[in-house]
Amino acid sequence: MTDLATLARDIRILKDIEEIKRLKHRYFRCIDMANLEELATLLHPDVTVDFVGGSYRFQLAGAAEYVRMIGEAFHADFVGQHNGHHPEIDVLSETEATGLWYLSDVALNLRSMQSTIGTALYRDRYVKLDGVWKIRTTQYERVFEIVEPIEKRPNLTAHWLALHGKKLG
């Protein structure tokens, strides 16, 4: 029979896993909507980033730098859709956890008239600061990536970033 201390620990771990899932879901939403203010609250101040695509490797350190980069990349002439699926989260301690996520994404850069469709595996490390889970390390490597020119500007009947994204010169 399970004792109360083990049951309490298991409940805490399940609660932590759910909080981390919600953190990563907010991360994807904030990126696609260029919600930079909220995105900053999800990241550890010293977050590290390492993204490997078919023709690029993007690395940086620091929440302010990452948020700035997202503001530049997810601009008013951009459409993005990122979904994180099948989370595999391991709580290592009361303040540390890791996560593996399967990403599916579509990106339309209407400024360069280029589309990207693909999948990737995100590998994250999370830390709990002042009782709140933050992304400490985030990295992905593409499973596949298709980059093609957009021949004709799509007829967007809704376009959030056109209204709320940064207007590039």
C-alpha atoms as a PDB file:
ATOM      1  CA  MET A   1       0.000   0.000   0.000  1.00  0.00           C
ATOM      2  CA  THR A   2       1.261   3.469  -0.898  1.00  0.00           C
ATOM      3  CA  ASP A   3       2.083   5.680   2.061  1.00  0.00           C
ATOM      4  CA  LEU A   4       0.952   9.306   2.240  1.00  0.00           C
ATOM      5  CA  ALA A   5       4.435  10.739   1.615  1.00  0.00           C
ATOM      6  CA  THR A   6       4.769   8.761  -1.644  1.00  0.00           C
ATOM      7  CA  LEU A   7       1.283   9.780  -2.713  1.00  0.00           C
ATOM      8  CA  ALA A   8       2.010  13.453  -1.984  1.00  0.00           C
ATOM      9  CA  ARG A   9       5.271  13.227  -3.996  1.00  0.00           C
ATOM     10  CA  ASP A  10       3.481  11.605  -6.937  1.00  0.00           C
ATOM     11  CA  ILE A  11       0.785  14.296  -6.910  1.00  0.00           C
ATOM     12  CA  ARG A  12       3.471  17.021  -6.848  1.00  0.00           C
ATOM     13  CA  ILE A  13       5.248  15.418  -9.813  1.00  0.00           C
ATOM     14  CA  LEU A  14       2.003  15.195 -11.806  1.00  0.00           C
ATOM     15  CA  LYS A  15       1.246  18.834 -10.982  1.00  0.00           C
ATOM     16  CA  ASP A  16       4.743  19.847 -12.111  1.00  0.00           C
ATOM     17  CA  ILE A  17       4.322  17.940 -15.388  1.00  0.00           C
ATOM     18  CA  GLU A  18       1.024  19.713 -16.073  1.00  0.00           C
ATOM     19  CA  GLU A  19       2.565  23.115 -15.281  1.00  0.00           C
ATOM     20  CA  ILE A  20       5.443  22.393 -17.689  1.00  0.00           C
ATOM     21  CA  LYS A  21       2.998  21.353 -20.431  1.00  0.00           C
ATOM     22  CA  ARG A  22       1.119  24.628 -19.976  1.00  0.00           C
ATOM     23  CA  LEU A  23       4.420  26.540 -20.044  1.00  0.00           C
ATOM     24  CA  LYS A  24       5.399  25.021 -23.396  1.00  0.00           C
ATOM     25  CA  HIS A  25       1.921  25.548 -24.859  1.00  0.00           C
ATOM     26  CA  ARG A  26       2.111  29.240 -23.859  1.00  0.00           C
ATOM     27  CA  TYR A  27       5.591  29.398 -25.440  1.00  0.00           C
ATOM     28  CA  PHE A  28       4.269  28.264 -28.839  1.00  0.00           C
ATOM     29  CA  ARG A  29       1.272  30.617 -28.626  1.00  0.00           C
ATOM     30  CA  CYS A  30       3.444  33.589 -27.673  1.00  0.00           C
ATOM     31  CA  ILE A  31       5.826  32.951 -30.554  1.00  0.00           C
ATOM     32  CA  ASP A  32       3.099  32.684 -33.202  1.00  0.00           C
ATOM     33  CA  MET A  33       1.365  35.803 -31.917  1.00  0.00           C
ATOM     34  CA  ALA A  34       4.606  37.736 -31.228  1.00  0.00           C
ATOM     35  CA  ASN A  35       3.448  38.240 -27.653  1.00  0.00           C
ATOM     36  CA  LEU A  36       6.905  39.315 -26.526  1.00  0.00           C
ATOM     37  CA  GLU A  37       5.887  40.570 -23.103  1.00  0.00           C
ATOM     38  CA  GLU A  38       4.391  37.240 -22.055  1.00  0.00           C
ATOM     39  CA  LEU A  39       7.138  35.254 -23.815  1.00  0.00           C
ATOM     40  CA  ALA A  40       9.739  36.990 -21.642  1.00  0.00           C
ATOM     41  CA  THR A  41       7.961  35.733 -18.501  1.00  0.00           C
ATOM     42  CA  LEU A  42       8.310  32.118 -19.656  1.00  0.00           C
ATOM     43  CA  LEU A  43      12.086  32.170 -20.036  1.00  0.00           C
ATOM     44  CA  HIS A  44      14.880  31.939 -17.500  1.00  0.00           C
ATOM     45  CA  PRO A  45      16.929  35.171 -17.725  1.00  0.00           C
ATOM     46  CA  ASP A  46      19.951  33.116 -18.849  1.00  0.00           C
ATOM     47  CA  VAL A  47      18.069  30.868 -21.299  1.00  0.00           C
ATOM     48  CA  THR A  48      20.197  29.229 -23.985  1.00  0.00           C
ATOM     49  CA  VAL A  49      18.879  28.440 -27.453  1.00  0.00           C
ATOM     50  CA  ASP A  50      20.247  26.068 -30.117  1.00  0.00           C
ATOM     51  CA  PHE A  51      18.064  25.426 -33.187  1.00  0.00           C
ATOM     52  CA  VAL A  52      19.338  23.270 -36.054  1.00  0.00           C
ATOM     53  CA  GLY A  53      17.451  23.321 -39.349  1.00  0.00           C
ATOM     54  CA  GLY A  54      18.156  22.065 -42.828  1.00  0.00           C
ATOM     55  CA  SER A  55      20.271  25.077 -43.783  1.00  0.00           C
ATOM     56  CA  TYR A  56      20.874  26.881 -40.497  1.00  0.00           C
ATOM     57  CA  ARG A  57      22.058  26.666 -36.922  1.00  0.00           C
ATOM     58  CA  PHE A  58      20.791  29.385 -34.620  1.00  0.00           C
ATOM     59  CA  GLN A  59      22.358  29.819 -31.182  1.00  0.00           C
ATOM     60  CA  LEU A  60      22.022  32.549 -28.586  1.00  0.00           C
ATOM     61  CA  ALA A  61      21.999  33.173 -24.852  1.00  0.00           C
ATOM     62  CA  GLY A  62      19.764  35.351 -22.700  1.00  0.00           C
ATOM     63  CA  ALA A  63      16.035  35.952 -22.528  1.00  0.00           C
ATOM     64  CA  ALA A  64      16.274  39.554 -23.738  1.00  0.00           C
ATOM     65  CA  GLU A  65      18.190  38.507 -26.860  1.00  0.00           C
ATOM     66  CA  TYR A  66      15.770  35.672 -27.605  1.00  0.00           C
ATOM     67  CA  VAL A  67      12.689  37.871 -27.204  1.00  0.00           C
ATOM     68  CA  ARG A  68      14.289  40.526 -29.458  1.00  0.00           C
ATOM     69  CA  MET A  69      14.989  37.896 -32.121  1.00  0.00           C
ATOM     70  CA  ILE A  70      11.391  36.605 -32.018  1.00  0.00           C
ATOM     71  CA  GLY A  71      10.131  40.182 -32.437  1.00  0.00           C
ATOM     72  CA  GLU A  72      12.276  40.570 -35.551  1.00  0.00           C
ATOM     73  CA  ALA A  73      11.425  37.146 -37.039  1.00  0.00           C
ATOM     74  CA  PHE A  74       7.669  37.102 -36.326  1.00  0.00           C
ATOM     75  CA  HIS A  75       6.900  40.440 -37.962  1.00  0.00           C
ATOM     76  CA  ALA A  76       3.835  41.883 -39.669  1.00  0.00           C
ATOM     77  CA  ASP A  77       4.658  40.065 -42.953  1.00  0.00           C
ATOM     78  CA  PHE A  78       4.959  36.651 -41.318  1.00  0.00           C
ATOM     79  CA  VAL A  79       2.502  33.851 -40.591  1.00  0.00           C
ATOM     80  CA  GLY A  80       3.514  31.112 -38.166  1.00  0.00           C
ATOM     81  CA  GLN A  81       1.881  28.056 -36.675  1.00  0.00           C
ATOM     82  CA  HIS A  82       3.788  25.891 -34.188  1.00  0.00           C
ATOM     83  CA  ASN A  83       2.341  22.868 -32.410  1.00  0.00           C
ATOM     84  CA  GLY A  84       4.141  20.861 -29.755  1.00  0.00           C
ATOM     85  CA  HIS A  85       2.955  17.267 -29.489  1.00  0.00           C
ATOM     86  CA  HIS A  86       3.616  14.148 -27.439  1.00  0.00           C
ATOM     87  CA  PRO A  87       5.465  15.659 -24.470  1.00  0.00           C
ATOM     88  CA  GLU A  88       7.865  13.392 -22.624  1.00  0.00           C
ATOM     89  CA  ILE A  89       8.573  15.217 -19.369  1.00  0.00           C
ATOM     90  CA  ASP A  90      10.859  13.969 -16.633  1.00  0.00           C
ATOM     91  CA  VAL A  91      10.839  15.754 -13.289  1.00  0.00           C
ATOM     92  CA  LEU A  92      14.373  15.368 -11.949  1.00  0.00           C
ATOM     93  CA  SER A  93      13.863  17.207  -8.670  1.00  0.00           C
ATOM     94  CA  GLU A  94      11.548  19.783  -7.133  1.00  0.00           C
ATOM     95  CA  THR A  95      13.288  22.484  -9.217  1.00  0.00           C
ATOM     96  CA  GLU A  96      14.569  20.741 -12.379  1.00  0.00           C
ATOM     97  CA  ALA A  97      12.939  18.884 -15.254  1.00  0.00           C
ATOM     98  CA  THR A  98      13.552  17.946 -18.875  1.00  0.00           C
ATOM     99  CA  GLY A  99      11.164  17.702 -21.783  1.00  0.00           C
ATOM    100  CA  LEU A 100      11.095  16.228 -25.270  1.00  0.00           C
ATOM    101  CA  TRP A 101       8.453  17.615 -27.632  1.00  0.00           C
ATOM    102  CA  TYR A 102       7.584  16.790 -31.225  1.00  0.00           C
ATOM    103  CA  LEU A 103       7.157  20.039 -33.166  1.00  0.00           C
ATOM    104  CA  SER A 104       5.044  20.468 -36.284  1.00  0.00           C
ATOM    105  CA  ASP A 105       5.260  23.904 -37.878  1.00  0.00           C
ATOM    106  CA  VAL A 106       4.319  26.002 -40.871  1.00  0.00           C
ATOM    107  CA  ALA A 107       5.896  29.388 -41.563  1.00  0.00           C
ATOM    108  CA  LEU A 108       5.081  31.811 -44.361  1.00  0.00           C
ATOM    109  CA  ASN A 109       7.441  34.735 -44.777  1.00  0.00           C
ATOM    110  CA  LEU A 110       5.485  37.087 -47.016  1.00  0.00           C
ATOM    111  CA  ARG A 111       8.391  39.538 -47.071  1.00  0.00           C
ATOM    112  CA  SER A 112      10.800  37.056 -48.679  1.00  0.00           C
ATOM    113  CA  MET A 113       7.948  35.022 -50.251  1.00  0.00           C
ATOM    114  CA  GLN A 114       9.241  31.781 -48.786  1.00  0.00           C
ATOM    115  CA  SER A 115       7.414  28.983 -46.968  1.00  0.00           C
ATOM    116  CA  THR A 116       8.791  26.483 -44.490  1.00  0.00           C
ATOM    117  CA  ILE A 117       6.987  23.331 -43.393  1.00  0.00           C
ATOM    118  CA  GLY A 118       8.546  20.783 -41.105  1.00  0.00           C
ATOM    119  CA  THR A 119       8.921  18.904 -37.895  1.00  0.00           C
ATOM    120  CA  ALA A 120      11.579  18.885 -35.217  1.00  0.00           C
ATOM    121  CA  LEU A 121      12.369  17.417 -31.832  1.00  0.00           C
ATOM    122  CA  TYR A 122      12.587  20.016 -29.071  1.00  0.00           C
ATOM    123  CA  ARG A 123      14.771  19.109 -26.093  1.00  0.00           C
ATOM    124  CA  ASP A 124      14.217  21.470 -23.174  1.00  0.00           C
ATOM    125  CA  ARG A 125      15.472  21.888 -19.657  1.00  0.00           C
ATOM    126  CA  TYR A 126      13.247  23.618 -17.122  1.00  0.00           C
ATOM    127  CA  VAL A 127      13.985  25.150 -13.742  1.00  0.00           C
ATOM    128  CA  LYS A 128      11.585  26.344 -11.074  1.00  0.00           C
ATOM    129  CA  LEU A 129      12.274  29.897  -9.909  1.00  0.00           C
ATOM    130  CA  ASP A 130      10.241  31.306  -7.032  1.00  0.00           C
ATOM    131  CA  GLY A 131       7.745  28.479  -7.477  1.00  0.00           C
ATOM    132  CA  VAL A 132       7.284  28.998 -11.250  1.00  0.00           C
ATOM    133  CA  TRP A 133       8.654  26.769 -14.032  1.00  0.00           C
ATOM    134  CA  LYS A 134      10.827  28.561 -16.630  1.00  0.00           C
ATOM    135  CA  ILE A 135      12.526  27.389 -19.824  1.00  0.00           C
ATOM    136  CA  ARG A 136      16.261  27.267 -19.052  1.00  0.00           C
ATOM    137  CA  THR A 137      17.482  25.579 -22.240  1.00  0.00           C
ATOM    138  CA  THR A 138      15.647  25.015 -25.487  1.00  0.00           C
ATOM    139  CA  GLN A 139      17.004  23.301 -28.556  1.00  0.00           C
ATOM    140  CA  TYR A 140      15.690  21.492 -31.560  1.00  0.00           C
ATOM    141  CA  GLU A 141      16.920  19.531 -34.514  1.00  0.00           C
ATOM    142  CA  ARG A 142      14.778  19.164 -37.599  1.00  0.00           C
ATOM    143  CA  VAL A 143      13.318  15.773 -38.489  1.00  0.00           C
ATOM    144  CA  PHE A 144      12.407  17.222 -41.869  1.00  0.00           C
ATOM    145  CA  GLU A 145      12.139  20.667 -43.386  1.00  0.00           C
ATOM    146  CA  ILE A 146      10.716  21.803 -46.724  1.00  0.00           C
ATOM    147  CA  VAL A 147      11.588  25.339 -47.839  1.00  0.00           C
ATOM    148  CA  GLU A 148       9.963  26.572 -51.033  1.00  0.00           C
ATOM    149  CA  PRO A 149       9.196  29.862 -52.722  1.00  0.00           C
ATOM    150  CA  ILE A 150       5.688  31.257 -52.448  1.00  0.00           C
ATOM    151  CA  GLU A 151       4.648  31.912 -56.043  1.00  0.00           C
ATOM    152  CA  LYS A 152       1.535  33.957 -55.267  1.00  0.00           C
ATOM    153  CA  ARG A 153       0.713  35.858 -52.096  1.00  0.00           C
ATOM    154  CA  PRO A 154      -1.968  33.822 -50.276  1.00  0.00           C
ATOM    155  CA  ASN A 155      -5.416  35.312 -49.736  1.00  0.00           C
ATOM    156  CA  LEU A 156      -5.268  35.645 -45.956  1.00  0.00           C
ATOM    157  CA  THR A 157      -8.696  36.428 -44.540  1.00  0.00           C
ATOM    158  CA  ALA A 158      -7.230  36.636 -41.030  1.00  0.00           C
ATOM    159  CA  HIS A 159      -3.657  37.616 -40.175  1.00  0.00           C
ATOM    160  CA  TRP A 160      -2.871  38.360 -36.521  1.00  0.00           C
ATOM    161  CA  LEU A 161       0.711  39.497 -37.053  1.00  0.00           C
ATOM    162  CA  ALA A 162      -0.293  41.943 -39.795  1.00  0.00           C
ATOM    163  CA  LEU A 163      -2.178  43.791 -37.074  1.00  0.00           C
ATOM    164  CA  HIS A 164       0.051  43.134 -34.060  1.00  0.00           C
ATOM    165  CA  GLY A 165       3.508  42.260 -35.374  1.00  0.00           C
ATOM    166  CA  LYS A 166       6.451  44.583 -35.849  1.00  0.00           C
ATOM    167  CA  LYS A 167       6.287  46.614 -39.048  1.00  0.00           C
ATOM    168  CA  LEU A 168       9.624  46.265 -40.842  1.00  0.00           C
ATOM    169  CA  GLY A 169      11.019  49.150 -42.869  1.00  0.00           C
END
